[in-house]
Amino acid sequence: MHIVFAEQHAMVRDVLRPFLIQVGAEARVTEAGCAGEVWRAFRNSPAIDLAILDHEMPGLELGDCITTLSTLHPGARSVVLAPKADPAMVSRAMSAGVSGFIPKRMSARAFVSALHLVMAGERYVPAALLPAGGPGPLPQAPCPSVRPQGTGLTAREREIIDLLRQGLPNKLIARRLNVSEVTVKSHLCHVFRKLGVRNRIQAAQFDRT
């Protein structure tokens, strides 16, 4: 997996670098400290799987950036990293085509879980940043593949399915397991892909057989 990490502050890059290698097998990170380095990375890289973009990087216009990324690297996922945000800002970013919006105040553990979710085909925005009184600016995208992979479920994935059968929502499952809700969603997406199902009910029924 190839990740382009565009962040203007070297300290932030240094802090987050060790966590980025947890996102995918043999993850390779190309860092960009300015807009020019971002464009060079997009043009010169043979393949990019994920771009993490500093919302406040000078000279980096988000719409142009996402358009260029999609043109040069079809299928690449993109995430915006921002020190502060509001629902209107999030809505504009998601309308530009990004796959996720992550506040810099988020914990490193939740940050990695959110990236896993994005790479599993979902779109991520913290619930607190969704518009009040509405479902939010983005629907959750389905997992990209629904064909069984032929691999068994992990112990944690089976544990989550057991809690699904009890009718627990993701929030309560997260509390039971002492993990973030983002982590639960990520596990569920892996379960769906492994079993070749599309929703929670199908996953629980499939595992009964």
C-alpha atoms as a PDB file:
ATOM      1  CA  MET A   1       0.000   0.000   0.000  1.00  0.00           C
ATOM      2  CA  HIS A   2       1.281   3.463  -0.921  1.00  0.00           C
ATOM      3  CA  ILE A   3       0.185   6.434   1.206  1.00  0.00           C
ATOM      4  CA  VAL A   4       0.856  10.083   0.377  1.00  0.00           C
ATOM      5  CA  PHE A   5       0.858  12.099   3.604  1.00  0.00           C
ATOM      6  CA  ALA A   6       0.503  15.826   2.902  1.00  0.00           C
ATOM      7  CA  GLU A   7       1.029  17.824   6.099  1.00  0.00           C
ATOM      8  CA  GLN A   8       2.747  21.206   6.375  1.00  0.00           C
ATOM      9  CA  HIS A   9       3.993  20.690   9.947  1.00  0.00           C
ATOM     10  CA  ALA A  10       6.996  18.380  10.328  1.00  0.00           C
ATOM     11  CA  MET A  11       6.129  17.636  13.956  1.00  0.00           C
ATOM     12  CA  VAL A  12       2.693  16.295  12.984  1.00  0.00           C
ATOM     13  CA  ARG A  13       4.269  14.134  10.288  1.00  0.00           C
ATOM     14  CA  ASP A  14       6.780  12.775  12.796  1.00  0.00           C
ATOM     15  CA  VAL A  15       4.055  11.948  15.326  1.00  0.00           C
ATOM     16  CA  LEU A  16       1.678  10.248  12.892  1.00  0.00           C
ATOM     17  CA  ARG A  17       4.239   8.423  10.743  1.00  0.00           C
ATOM     18  CA  PRO A  18       4.474   5.315  12.993  1.00  0.00           C
ATOM     19  CA  PHE A  19       0.685   4.952  12.957  1.00  0.00           C
ATOM     20  CA  LEU A  20       0.381   5.148   9.175  1.00  0.00           C
ATOM     21  CA  ILE A  21       2.342   1.941   8.692  1.00  0.00           C
ATOM     22  CA  GLN A  22      -0.427   0.170  10.617  1.00  0.00           C
ATOM     23  CA  VAL A  23      -2.988   0.971   7.935  1.00  0.00           C
ATOM     24  CA  GLY A  24      -2.049  -1.720   5.433  1.00  0.00           C
ATOM     25  CA  ALA A  25       0.328  -4.544   4.710  1.00  0.00           C
ATOM     26  CA  GLU A  26       3.796  -3.245   3.826  1.00  0.00           C
ATOM     27  CA  ALA A  27       2.517   0.327   3.892  1.00  0.00           C
ATOM     28  CA  ARG A  28       4.905   2.805   2.269  1.00  0.00           C
ATOM     29  CA  VAL A  29       4.565   6.504   3.096  1.00  0.00           C
ATOM     30  CA  THR A  30       5.567   9.424   0.864  1.00  0.00           C
ATOM     31  CA  GLU A  31       5.550  12.675   2.824  1.00  0.00           C
ATOM     32  CA  ALA A  32       4.798  16.100   1.378  1.00  0.00           C
ATOM     33  CA  GLY A  33       5.394  19.280   3.357  1.00  0.00           C
ATOM     34  CA  CYS A  34       4.089  21.753   0.778  1.00  0.00           C
ATOM     35  CA  ALA A  35       1.683  21.911  -2.157  1.00  0.00           C
ATOM     36  CA  GLY A  36       4.470  21.493  -4.726  1.00  0.00           C
ATOM     37  CA  GLU A  37       5.575  18.246  -3.112  1.00  0.00           C
ATOM     38  CA  VAL A  38       1.987  16.989  -3.190  1.00  0.00           C
ATOM     39  CA  TRP A  39       1.697  17.582  -6.940  1.00  0.00           C
ATOM     40  CA  ARG A  40       5.081  15.915  -7.552  1.00  0.00           C
ATOM     41  CA  ALA A  41       4.027  12.900  -5.516  1.00  0.00           C
ATOM     42  CA  PHE A  42       0.794  12.606  -7.494  1.00  0.00           C
ATOM     43  CA  ARG A  43       2.597  12.890 -10.845  1.00  0.00           C
ATOM     44  CA  ASN A  44       5.647  10.742 -10.114  1.00  0.00           C
ATOM     45  CA  SER A  45       4.188   7.885  -8.070  1.00  0.00           C
ATOM     46  CA  PRO A  46       3.312   4.746 -10.066  1.00  0.00           C
ATOM     47  CA  ALA A  47       0.362   4.034  -7.764  1.00  0.00           C
ATOM     48  CA  ILE A  48      -1.284   5.722  -4.784  1.00  0.00           C
ATOM     49  CA  ASP A  49      -3.802   3.957  -2.560  1.00  0.00           C
ATOM     50  CA  LEU A  50      -4.478   6.674   0.020  1.00  0.00           C
ATOM     51  CA  ALA A  51      -3.833  10.418   0.229  1.00  0.00           C
ATOM     52  CA  ILE A  52      -4.034  12.184   3.591  1.00  0.00           C
ATOM     53  CA  LEU A  53      -4.392  15.922   2.997  1.00  0.00           C
ATOM     54  CA  ASP A  54      -3.755  18.848   5.344  1.00  0.00           C
ATOM     55  CA  HIS A  55      -6.860  21.036   5.053  1.00  0.00           C
ATOM     56  CA  GLU A  56      -4.848  24.191   5.792  1.00  0.00           C
ATOM     57  CA  MET A  57      -1.784  23.554   3.626  1.00  0.00           C
ATOM     58  CA  PRO A  58      -1.029  26.813   1.743  1.00  0.00           C
ATOM     59  CA  GLY A  59      -1.590  26.572  -1.998  1.00  0.00           C
ATOM     60  CA  LEU A  60      -3.458  23.264  -1.845  1.00  0.00           C
ATOM     61  CA  GLU A  61      -6.980  23.722  -3.212  1.00  0.00           C
ATOM     62  CA  LEU A  62      -8.985  20.681  -2.159  1.00  0.00           C
ATOM     63  CA  GLY A  63     -11.206  20.360  -5.232  1.00  0.00           C
ATOM     64  CA  ASP A  64      -8.282  20.526  -7.669  1.00  0.00           C
ATOM     65  CA  CYS A  65      -6.295  18.135  -5.499  1.00  0.00           C
ATOM     66  CA  ILE A  66      -9.027  15.473  -5.448  1.00  0.00           C
ATOM     67  CA  THR A  67      -9.665  15.847  -9.186  1.00  0.00           C
ATOM     68  CA  THR A  68      -5.969  15.381  -9.974  1.00  0.00           C
ATOM     69  CA  LEU A  69      -5.673  12.416  -7.623  1.00  0.00           C
ATOM     70  CA  SER A  70      -8.714  10.708  -9.161  1.00  0.00           C
ATOM     71  CA  THR A  71      -7.444  11.321 -12.690  1.00  0.00           C
ATOM     72  CA  LEU A  72      -3.900  10.073 -12.121  1.00  0.00           C
ATOM     73  CA  HIS A  73      -4.737   7.340  -9.612  1.00  0.00           C
ATOM     74  CA  PRO A  74      -8.278   6.013 -10.139  1.00  0.00           C
ATOM     75  CA  GLY A  75      -9.533   4.212  -7.071  1.00  0.00           C
ATOM     76  CA  ALA A  76      -7.278   6.077  -4.641  1.00  0.00           C
ATOM     77  CA  ARG A  77      -8.939   7.042  -1.363  1.00  0.00           C
ATOM     78  CA  SER A  78      -8.495  10.480   0.208  1.00  0.00           C
ATOM     79  CA  VAL A  79      -8.829  11.833   3.730  1.00  0.00           C
ATOM     80  CA  VAL A  80      -8.751  15.428   4.964  1.00  0.00           C
ATOM     81  CA  LEU A  81      -6.936  16.173   8.219  1.00  0.00           C
ATOM     82  CA  ALA A  82      -8.025  19.421   9.898  1.00  0.00           C
ATOM     83  CA  PRO A  83      -7.235  21.176  13.214  1.00  0.00           C
ATOM     84  CA  LYS A  84     -10.801  22.455  13.496  1.00  0.00           C
ATOM     85  CA  ALA A  85     -13.999  21.862  11.601  1.00  0.00           C
ATOM     86  CA  ASP A  86     -17.722  22.496  11.450  1.00  0.00           C
ATOM     87  CA  PRO A  87     -20.514  20.692   9.562  1.00  0.00           C
ATOM     88  CA  ALA A  88     -20.426  23.192   6.681  1.00  0.00           C
ATOM     89  CA  MET A  89     -16.683  22.672   6.175  1.00  0.00           C
ATOM     90  CA  VAL A  90     -17.137  18.906   6.302  1.00  0.00           C
ATOM     91  CA  SER A  91     -19.987  19.051   3.787  1.00  0.00           C
ATOM     92  CA  ARG A  92     -17.843  21.046   1.338  1.00  0.00           C
ATOM     93  CA  ALA A  93     -14.985  18.572   1.684  1.00  0.00           C
ATOM     94  CA  MET A  94     -17.207  15.557   1.151  1.00  0.00           C
ATOM     95  CA  SER A  95     -18.832  17.241  -1.848  1.00  0.00           C
ATOM     96  CA  ALA A  96     -15.344  17.636  -3.309  1.00  0.00           C
ATOM     97  CA  GLY A  97     -15.070  13.857  -3.264  1.00  0.00           C
ATOM     98  CA  VAL A  98     -12.940  13.026  -0.233  1.00  0.00           C
ATOM     99  CA  SER A  99     -13.463   9.686   1.488  1.00  0.00           C
ATOM    100  CA  GLY A 100     -13.119  10.935   5.040  1.00  0.00           C
ATOM    101  CA  PHE A 101     -12.732  13.958   7.295  1.00  0.00           C
ATOM    102  CA  ILE A 102     -10.582  13.551  10.419  1.00  0.00           C
ATOM    103  CA  PRO A 103     -10.090  16.241  13.100  1.00  0.00           C
ATOM    104  CA  LYS A 104      -6.550  16.505  14.467  1.00  0.00           C
ATOM    105  CA  ARG A 105      -7.936  16.308  17.996  1.00  0.00           C
ATOM    106  CA  MET A 106      -8.833  12.652  17.383  1.00  0.00           C
ATOM    107  CA  SER A 107      -6.776  10.050  19.225  1.00  0.00           C
ATOM    108  CA  ALA A 108      -4.134   8.129  17.283  1.00  0.00           C
ATOM    109  CA  ARG A 109      -6.018   4.882  17.860  1.00  0.00           C
ATOM    110  CA  ALA A 110      -9.246   6.312  16.436  1.00  0.00           C
ATOM    111  CA  PHE A 111      -7.261   7.893  13.583  1.00  0.00           C
ATOM    112  CA  VAL A 112      -5.925   4.493  12.495  1.00  0.00           C
ATOM    113  CA  SER A 113      -9.376   2.911  12.822  1.00  0.00           C
ATOM    114  CA  ALA A 114     -10.882   5.654  10.657  1.00  0.00           C
ATOM    115  CA  LEU A 115      -8.246   5.045   7.975  1.00  0.00           C
ATOM    116  CA  HIS A 116      -8.974   1.310   8.065  1.00  0.00           C
ATOM    117  CA  LEU A 117     -12.644   2.121   7.564  1.00  0.00           C
ATOM    118  CA  VAL A 118     -11.897   4.380   4.599  1.00  0.00           C
ATOM    119  CA  MET A 119      -9.662   1.756   2.993  1.00  0.00           C
ATOM    120  CA  ALA A 120     -12.459  -0.798   3.449  1.00  0.00           C
ATOM    121  CA  GLY A 121     -14.642   1.316   1.163  1.00  0.00           C
ATOM    122  CA  GLU A 122     -16.547   3.419   3.707  1.00  0.00           C
ATOM    123  CA  ARG A 123     -16.691   7.194   4.031  1.00  0.00           C
ATOM    124  CA  TYR A 124     -15.892   8.575   7.478  1.00  0.00           C
ATOM    125  CA  VAL A 125     -16.978  11.690   9.348  1.00  0.00           C
ATOM    126  CA  PRO A 126     -17.224  11.952  13.170  1.00  0.00           C
ATOM    127  CA  ALA A 127     -20.844  12.019  14.296  1.00  0.00           C
ATOM    128  CA  ALA A 128     -20.306  15.361  16.056  1.00  0.00           C
ATOM    129  CA  LEU A 129     -19.543  17.008  12.705  1.00  0.00           C
ATOM    130  CA  LEU A 130     -22.670  15.842  10.916  1.00  0.00           C
ATOM    131  CA  PRO A 131     -25.371  18.508  10.434  1.00  0.00           C
ATOM    132  CA  ALA A 132     -27.854  18.641  13.309  1.00  0.00           C
ATOM    133  CA  GLY A 133     -31.309  17.319  12.559  1.00  0.00           C
ATOM    134  CA  GLY A 134     -30.281  15.408   9.468  1.00  0.00           C
ATOM    135  CA  PRO A 135     -28.594  12.236   8.363  1.00  0.00           C
ATOM    136  CA  GLY A 136     -25.396  14.061   7.440  1.00  0.00           C
ATOM    137  CA  PRO A 137     -23.756  14.976   4.142  1.00  0.00           C
ATOM    138  CA  LEU A 138     -22.706  11.487   3.242  1.00  0.00           C
ATOM    139  CA  PRO A 139     -24.258   8.056   2.999  1.00  0.00           C
ATOM    140  CA  GLN A 140     -22.105   5.206   4.177  1.00  0.00           C
ATOM    141  CA  ALA A 141     -20.738   3.451   1.118  1.00  0.00           C
ATOM    142  CA  PRO A 142     -20.953  -0.349   1.016  1.00  0.00           C
ATOM    143  CA  CYS A 143     -17.883  -2.491   1.308  1.00  0.00           C
ATOM    144  CA  PRO A 144     -16.252  -2.759  -2.124  1.00  0.00           C
ATOM    145  CA  SER A 145     -16.488  -6.517  -2.438  1.00  0.00           C
ATOM    146  CA  VAL A 146     -19.250  -8.907  -1.429  1.00  0.00           C
ATOM    147  CA  ARG A 147     -17.641 -12.091  -2.675  1.00  0.00           C
ATOM    148  CA  PRO A 148     -16.538 -14.499   0.037  1.00  0.00           C
ATOM    149  CA  GLN A 149     -12.781 -14.454   0.461  1.00  0.00           C
ATOM    150  CA  GLY A 150     -12.629 -17.961   1.847  1.00  0.00           C
ATOM    151  CA  THR A 151     -10.902 -16.841   5.049  1.00  0.00           C
ATOM    152  CA  GLY A 152     -12.239 -17.548   8.530  1.00  0.00           C
ATOM    153  CA  LEU A 153     -13.507 -14.945  10.935  1.00  0.00           C
ATOM    154  CA  THR A 154     -11.253 -13.804  13.736  1.00  0.00           C
ATOM    155  CA  ALA A 155     -12.260 -14.253  17.374  1.00  0.00           C
ATOM    156  CA  ARG A 156     -13.110 -10.548  17.642  1.00  0.00           C
ATOM    157  CA  GLU A 157     -15.232 -10.670  14.474  1.00  0.00           C
ATOM    158  CA  ARG A 158     -17.211 -13.630  15.853  1.00  0.00           C
ATOM    159  CA  GLU A 159     -17.628 -11.748  19.116  1.00  0.00           C
ATOM    160  CA  ILE A 160     -19.106  -8.802  17.241  1.00  0.00           C
ATOM    161  CA  ILE A 161     -21.495 -11.078  15.340  1.00  0.00           C
ATOM    162  CA  ASP A 162     -22.689 -12.561  18.640  1.00  0.00           C
ATOM    163  CA  LEU A 163     -23.483  -9.052  19.862  1.00  0.00           C
ATOM    164  CA  LEU A 164     -25.262  -8.281  16.586  1.00  0.00           C
ATOM    165  CA  ARG A 165     -27.569 -11.218  17.252  1.00  0.00           C
ATOM    166  CA  GLN A 166     -28.494  -9.618  20.554  1.00  0.00           C
ATOM    167  CA  GLY A 167     -29.704  -6.592  18.619  1.00  0.00           C
ATOM    168  CA  LEU A 168     -27.032  -4.225  19.889  1.00  0.00           C
ATOM    169  CA  PRO A 169     -26.192  -1.145  17.773  1.00  0.00           C
ATOM    170  CA  ASN A 170     -22.587  -0.297  16.969  1.00  0.00           C
ATOM    171  CA  LYS A 171     -22.352   2.211  19.812  1.00  0.00           C
ATOM    172  CA  LEU A 172     -23.259  -0.379  22.465  1.00  0.00           C
ATOM    173  CA  ILE A 173     -21.064  -3.026  20.859  1.00  0.00           C
ATOM    174  CA  ALA A 174     -18.168  -0.584  21.100  1.00  0.00           C
ATOM    175  CA  ARG A 175     -18.866  -0.034  24.799  1.00  0.00           C
ATOM    176  CA  ARG A 176     -19.075  -3.777  25.465  1.00  0.00           C
ATOM    177  CA  LEU A 177     -15.749  -4.428  23.775  1.00  0.00           C
ATOM    178  CA  ASN A 178     -14.068  -1.246  25.017  1.00  0.00           C
ATOM    179  CA  VAL A 179     -13.211  -0.090  21.484  1.00  0.00           C
ATOM    180  CA  SER A 180     -14.249   2.877  19.361  1.00  0.00           C
ATOM    181  CA  GLU A 181     -17.380   2.802  17.221  1.00  0.00           C
ATOM    182  CA  VAL A 182     -15.141   3.332  14.193  1.00  0.00           C
ATOM    183  CA  THR A 183     -13.316   0.099  15.056  1.00  0.00           C
ATOM    184  CA  VAL A 184     -16.612  -1.793  15.223  1.00  0.00           C
ATOM    185  CA  LYS A 185     -17.603  -0.496  11.777  1.00  0.00           C
ATOM    186  CA  SER A 186     -14.223  -1.516  10.398  1.00  0.00           C
ATOM    187  CA  HIS A 187     -14.600  -5.045  11.794  1.00  0.00           C
ATOM    188  CA  LEU A 188     -18.101  -5.304  10.326  1.00  0.00           C
ATOM    189  CA  CYS A 189     -16.884  -4.285   6.888  1.00  0.00           C
ATOM    190  CA  HIS A 190     -14.250  -7.034   7.055  1.00  0.00           C
ATOM    191  CA  VAL A 191     -16.939  -9.527   8.119  1.00  0.00           C
ATOM    192  CA  PHE A 192     -19.198  -8.549   5.216  1.00  0.00           C
ATOM    193  CA  ARG A 193     -16.343  -8.974   2.762  1.00  0.00           C
ATOM    194  CA  LYS A 194     -15.258 -12.334   4.174  1.00  0.00           C
ATOM    195  CA  LEU A 195     -18.777 -13.779   4.203  1.00  0.00           C
ATOM    196  CA  GLY A 196     -19.964 -12.198   0.964  1.00  0.00           C
ATOM    197  CA  VAL A 197     -22.954 -10.474   2.587  1.00  0.00           C
ATOM    198  CA  ARG A 198     -24.265  -6.919   2.441  1.00  0.00           C
ATOM    199  CA  ASN A 199     -25.730  -6.181   5.859  1.00  0.00           C
ATOM    200  CA  ARG A 200     -25.769  -7.046   9.562  1.00  0.00           C
ATOM    201  CA  ILE A 201     -28.728  -9.423   9.393  1.00  0.00           C
ATOM    202  CA  GLN A 202     -27.186 -11.443   6.576  1.00  0.00           C
ATOM    203  CA  ALA A 203     -23.892 -11.635   8.466  1.00  0.00           C
ATOM    204  CA  ALA A 204     -25.539 -13.048  11.587  1.00  0.00           C
ATOM    205  CA  GLN A 205     -27.596 -15.558   9.600  1.00  0.00           C
ATOM    206  CA  PHE A 206     -24.647 -16.631   7.460  1.00  0.00           C
ATOM    207  CA  ASP A 207     -22.526 -17.418  10.488  1.00  0.00           C
ATOM    208  CA  ARG A 208     -25.253 -19.620  11.976  1.00  0.00           C
ATOM    209  CA  THR A 209     -24.931 -22.106   9.118  1.00  0.00           C
END
